[in-house]
Protein backbone atom coordinates (compact mmCIF):
# COMPACT_ATOMS: atom_id res chain seq x y z
CA MET A 1 19.15 -5.19 -11.41
CA GLU A 2 15.45 -5.01 -12.12
CA GLU A 3 13.04 -6.58 -9.65
CA LEU A 4 11.82 -10.10 -10.52
CA ILE A 5 8.16 -10.91 -9.90
CA ASP A 6 6.16 -14.14 -9.74
CA VAL A 7 3.49 -14.29 -12.45
CA LEU A 8 0.01 -15.34 -11.27
CA ASN A 9 -3.03 -16.72 -13.06
CA GLU A 10 -6.41 -14.95 -12.94
CA ASN A 11 -7.14 -16.70 -9.62
CA GLY A 12 -4.00 -15.42 -7.92
CA ILE A 13 -2.08 -18.72 -8.11
CA LYS A 14 1.61 -18.68 -9.08
CA THR A 15 2.19 -20.01 -12.60
CA GLY A 16 5.88 -20.79 -12.02
CA GLU A 17 6.91 -18.05 -14.45
CA VAL A 18 9.19 -15.30 -13.08
CA LEU A 19 9.65 -12.10 -15.10
CA THR A 20 10.96 -8.59 -14.61
CA ARG A 21 8.58 -5.97 -13.26
CA ASN A 22 8.64 -4.12 -16.60
CA GLU A 23 7.84 -7.27 -18.59
CA VAL A 24 4.96 -8.18 -16.26
CA HIS A 25 3.44 -4.72 -16.74
CA ARG A 26 4.17 -4.58 -20.46
CA ARG A 27 2.33 -7.87 -21.01
CA GLY A 28 -0.41 -7.16 -18.46
CA LEU A 29 0.24 -10.32 -16.46
CA TYR A 30 -1.25 -10.88 -13.03
CA HIS A 31 1.05 -10.41 -10.06
CA ARG A 32 0.82 -9.52 -6.37
CA ALA A 33 1.47 -6.25 -4.53
CA ILE A 34 1.08 -5.05 -0.97
CA VAL A 35 -0.53 -1.94 0.48
CA VAL A 36 0.07 -0.94 4.10
CA ALA A 37 -1.78 1.72 6.09
CA ILE A 38 0.32 2.85 9.05
CA ILE A 39 -1.90 4.25 11.81
CA ASN A 40 -0.80 6.10 14.95
CA ASN A 41 -2.45 6.31 18.40
CA LYS A 42 -4.70 9.19 17.25
CA ASN A 43 -6.16 7.01 14.47
CA GLN A 44 -4.34 9.16 11.93
CA ILE A 45 -3.19 7.48 8.74
CA LEU A 46 0.29 8.08 7.40
CA LEU A 47 0.15 9.23 3.78
CA GLN A 48 3.00 9.64 1.34
CA GLN A 49 3.21 11.90 -1.63
CA ARG A 50 4.66 9.86 -4.47
CA SER A 51 7.82 11.07 -6.13
CA PHE A 52 7.31 13.37 -9.11
CA ASN A 53 9.62 10.98 -11.00
CA LYS A 54 7.36 7.91 -10.66
CA GLU A 55 6.10 6.29 -13.87
CA LYS A 56 2.49 6.37 -12.66
CA ASN A 57 0.58 8.58 -10.21
CA ALA A 58 3.56 10.91 -9.93
CA GLY A 59 3.09 13.56 -7.25
CA MET A 60 -0.20 12.11 -6.01
CA TRP A 61 -0.86 11.25 -2.40
CA ASP A 62 -1.01 7.57 -1.53
CA ILE A 63 -1.52 5.31 1.43
CA SER A 64 1.49 4.85 3.74
CA VAL A 65 3.35 2.24 1.69
CA ALA A 66 2.70 0.18 -1.44
CA GLY A 67 4.91 -2.04 -3.51
CA HIS A 68 5.41 -5.22 -5.48
CA ILE A 69 6.12 -8.58 -3.94
CA SER A 70 9.46 -9.84 -5.23
CA SER A 71 9.75 -13.37 -6.56
CA GLY A 72 9.85 -15.93 -3.78
CA GLN A 73 8.71 -13.43 -1.16
CA ASP A 74 5.46 -13.53 0.81
CA SER A 75 3.17 -10.55 1.48
CA ILE A 76 4.32 -9.92 5.05
CA SER A 77 8.02 -10.03 4.13
CA ALA A 78 7.35 -7.64 1.25
CA SER A 79 5.42 -5.33 3.60
CA ILE A 80 8.25 -5.28 6.15
CA ARG A 81 10.77 -4.57 3.35
CA GLU A 82 8.71 -1.82 1.72
CA VAL A 83 7.89 -0.08 5.03
CA LYS A 84 11.61 -0.02 5.89
CA GLU A 85 12.65 1.13 2.39
CA GLU A 86 10.03 3.83 1.80
CA VAL A 87 9.58 5.41 5.25
CA ASN A 88 12.42 3.86 7.31
CA VAL A 89 10.10 2.35 9.93
CA TYR A 90 11.07 -0.92 11.57
CA SER A 91 8.26 -3.46 11.88
CA GLU A 92 7.77 -7.11 12.75
CA GLU A 93 5.50 -9.75 11.24
CA SER A 94 3.29 -9.88 14.35
CA GLU A 95 2.37 -6.18 13.97
CA TYR A 96 0.57 -6.63 10.64
CA GLU A 97 -3.15 -7.21 10.40
CA HIS A 98 -4.39 -8.50 7.05
CA ILE A 99 -7.57 -6.63 6.12
CA ILE A 100 -8.44 -7.67 2.57
CA THR A 101 -7.06 -9.12 -0.66
CA TYR A 102 -8.54 -7.76 -3.86
CA LYS A 103 -7.93 -7.88 -7.60
CA ASP A 104 -7.53 -4.74 -9.68
CA LYS A 105 -7.12 -4.33 -13.43
CA ARG A 106 -5.99 -1.07 -15.03
CA ILE A 107 -4.54 0.05 -18.32
CA ILE A 108 -2.15 2.86 -17.47
CA ARG A 109 -1.00 3.25 -21.08
CA ASP A 110 -0.44 0.96 -24.07
CA ASN A 111 2.68 -0.72 -22.70
CA PHE A 112 1.83 -0.49 -18.97
CA ILE A 113 -1.01 -2.68 -17.77
CA GLU A 114 -1.62 -3.42 -14.10
CA ASN A 115 -3.34 -6.69 -13.34
CA GLN A 116 -2.62 -7.02 -9.65
CA PHE A 117 -3.78 -8.81 -6.56
CA TYR A 118 -3.35 -6.46 -3.61
CA ASP A 119 -2.85 -7.67 -0.06
CA PHE A 120 -3.89 -4.82 2.24
CA PHE A 121 -2.52 -4.62 5.79
CA ILE A 122 -2.87 -2.32 8.79
CA LEU A 123 0.30 -1.57 10.74
CA ARG A 124 -0.35 0.08 14.10
CA LYS A 125 2.55 2.27 15.22
CA PRO A 126 1.05 4.17 18.19
CA ASP A 127 4.08 6.34 18.96
CA LEU A 128 5.21 7.05 15.40
CA LYS A 129 5.88 10.72 14.70
CA LEU A 130 6.69 12.45 11.42
CA SER A 131 10.12 13.29 12.84
CA ASP A 132 10.83 9.52 13.09
CA ILE A 133 10.36 9.04 9.35
CA LYS A 134 13.11 9.26 6.78
CA VAL A 135 11.66 8.91 3.28
CA GLN A 136 13.22 7.09 0.36
CA GLU A 137 13.70 10.13 -1.87
CA SER A 138 13.49 8.15 -5.13
CA GLU A 139 9.99 6.98 -4.12
CA VAL A 140 8.53 9.60 -1.77
CA GLU A 141 8.36 13.42 -1.82
CA GLN A 142 6.91 13.91 1.66
CA VAL A 143 4.69 12.31 4.30
CA ALA A 144 1.83 13.51 6.48
CA PHE A 145 -0.54 12.10 9.08
CA VAL A 146 -4.21 12.76 8.34
CA ASP A 147 -7.43 11.93 10.11
CA PRO A 148 -10.09 9.86 8.32
CA ASN A 149 -12.17 12.96 7.45
CA THR A 150 -9.22 14.65 5.75
CA LEU A 151 -8.45 11.44 3.89
CA GLY A 152 -12.06 11.35 2.68
CA LYS A 153 -11.79 14.89 1.37
CA MET A 154 -8.52 14.07 -0.41
CA ILE A 155 -10.14 11.03 -2.04
CA ALA A 156 -13.15 13.13 -3.13
CA ASN A 157 -10.81 15.81 -4.55
CA LYS A 158 -8.90 13.13 -6.50
CA GLU A 159 -5.66 13.96 -4.69
CA MET A 160 -5.20 10.30 -3.73
CA VAL A 161 -4.09 7.36 -5.86
CA GLU A 162 -7.26 5.47 -6.79
CA ARG A 163 -7.57 2.53 -4.39
CA ASN A 164 -11.30 2.63 -3.66
CA VAL A 165 -11.64 -0.99 -2.51
CA MET A 166 -8.79 -0.47 -0.05
CA TYR A 167 -10.10 2.90 1.21
CA SER A 168 -13.50 1.33 1.84
CA ALA A 169 -11.87 -1.51 3.81
CA LEU A 170 -9.80 1.03 5.75
CA TYR A 171 -12.90 3.02 6.74
CA ASP A 172 -14.69 -0.19 7.76
CA TYR A 173 -11.70 -1.11 9.93
CA LEU A 174 -11.56 2.33 11.58
CA GLN A 175 -15.31 2.34 12.25
CA LYS A 176 -15.14 -1.12 13.79
CA GLU A 177 -12.18 -0.06 15.95
CA ASN A 178 -14.06 3.05 17.09
CA LYS A 179 -17.20 1.04 17.97
CA GLU A 180 -15.14 -1.48 19.96
CA LYS A 181 -13.51 1.37 21.93
CA LEU A 182 -16.90 2.99 22.60
CA ASN A 183 -18.39 -0.33 23.75
CA PHE A 184 -15.40 -0.95 26.01
CA LYS A 185 -15.79 2.44 27.73
CA ARG A 186 -19.41 1.82 28.78
């Protein structure tokens, strides 16, 4: 059964209409999605290479986890579900830090329009290792941990799914974290 999604207005408020994911994209209706950056104790970010069978951005590298919010679900519940589905990592609501919500509009092709509100979260998993991860093969080709400099190079080389607002917020978060650690050590 195809995923059902709550339709939003241009301000991110639910309209009461619930449609299939395909219909929402076909008609270019606003809806909500989540993006989660999983970060280990070395401040490395978990990246996933999207499946080569995906309908958009196939084979590109992406942030740890991204996905739609199903009808009736909130952003945290969707994040927990997507993290478990895509990379088989258990997480709890209290582990998520909301960083930013932003609106993005893109025409992928004539019958695939993305008008989405993204809720971006950080999930700290200090002891997570690549060997702990079991990917959802229909969604993910492979995963890797990268440092912020490597991520920056991948963004510049257009190897990453375009999420510039989110990447900027991620770098701001990492810089703030680093400054707080440096101030603490004095």
